[in-house]
Amino acid sequence: MYQSYISDDNILFVRHYGTFVGAETLTAILHALESHVPNARLKGLYVDFRDVNDVSLDDTDGAFGDYFRRRLASYGQDFRSMSTAKSHNPEDLTLEEIDDIIHSEHVIAAQLNIFAAHASHKTAELKQQITALDEISKRVEARLKELGS
């Protein structure tokens, strides 16, 4: 299963989830192009497979690939001119790896937005944990004073 859309910046986003069937990415791309008017030249393609839990290789033959390339051309699209970007889960990366991605010449705004949102979320979580730990420390200190230690 998939969801696909084209952003205002002409980046096509495809999110796969559940069972990935056949050439589903190609189908998702064509579906997004068919429903997007006007058909401006796409700047990039972002495909997310993180929520896929099963795969079927039915209908993944080369003939479909040829058909796909012809259909893509009918929308004025040429993926050879687009940049590619690998999606990462920030939780699985070291700070050095994140820094390398941020400073890469191939980084796109969508990747930076994901990292920024993740950093903001983690910062808020850490602030809550610090507040909770400070409260626990105060209670421990108060209890120690009560006990005369």
Foldseek 3Di string as FASTA:
>chain_A
DWDWEADPLQEIEIEDAEEAEAPVVLVNVLVHLVPDPPLDEHQYYHYHDPHYDHYYNPHNDVVVVVVSVVSCVVSVYDCVNHADDDADDVVPDDPVVVVCQVPDPRHDPVNVVVVVVVVVVVVVVVVVVVVVVVVVVVVVVVVCVVVVD
